[in-house]
Amino acid sequence: MCRLIGYLGNGIRLEQLLYKEEHSLYRQSYNPLELKSGVVCGDGAGVGWYDEAGKSFIYRNTIPLWNDTNLQELSQYVQSNCTVGYVRLAGMGESLDISNCQPFRSEKLLFVHNGEISNFKQTLYRPIRDGLSDSTYHLIKGMTDSEHIFAMLVEMWQSSFDSNLLSALSMTLQTLADLAQKYDTTFTSNLIVSDGQAMAAVRYAYGTEAPTLYWSYDENNPNGVIVASEPLSKQNWISFEEQSILLVEADSLIPKIIQMDLP
């Protein structure tokens, strides 16, 4: 399982989320405390962010975060009000290729995912692809189940004129659950997605237990909302309930928790 992080709020430097906290993403890469499979997340790392004009950027590498001196330098310079980050533990048989590294991006959408579809190649690989339009199909550059879930999300995002993060996520998870039931498989899908103006995070699983996910928000000092696979510190962290979505928007920074009516 990978480790994720997301932030929406006042502008901060990337190093604050990646390196500076007591149990930062950097520390989680080599000393995760709640990893259910594997020992370390050393199969790559990535970060995505937005500039003041709302343009999205990504940095990805296949080396461990603890060896990535370039990202450490970059993170001291780049400041953003919205960031997603990730350290990778590759699934069985997945190659250490840049195309399999997150975050994934489509225009303004940035996406990171922690979880897996059981027996992906034998179960949902082809059905997911069959449900995509040509343009969304060609977004897929790698072979991971994570990128295929992202392609489904983009498809839902683009299929409705009035689509938003919440509705697109709900439709994606419902479709995944329907496919999992049809093809007799299970999946876990903790994910964070943003368009720069809103951020949504999900803790969800079908037929099994979801990985851990937490969020932090200080009502007395509302500078931003942080989501992470593991708490970055000992204060002000709340565990997501299973089958729930957190939504936060840049114009209010007040997190909303939605319990999903899904199997």
Foldseek 3Di string as FASTA:
>chain_A
DKKKKKKAFPKDFQCVQAPVFQCHSLNCQQCNDFDPDDHGLFQWKKKKAADPVLWIDMDIDRGGPPPPVVVVVRRVPDMHRIMMMMGHDDDPPFDSDRLPTDQQDDGLKTKDKDKAWPVCVVACQVVLLVPADPVLNVSRDGDGPRSSLVSQLVRLQPVDPPDDNVVSVLVSVQVVLVSCVVRVIKMWIWMWMDSRFKIKTAGEIHPDHTQKKKKFADPVDGRIIMIISDDSDDPGIDTDDYQKMWMAGHVPRDIDIDRDPHD
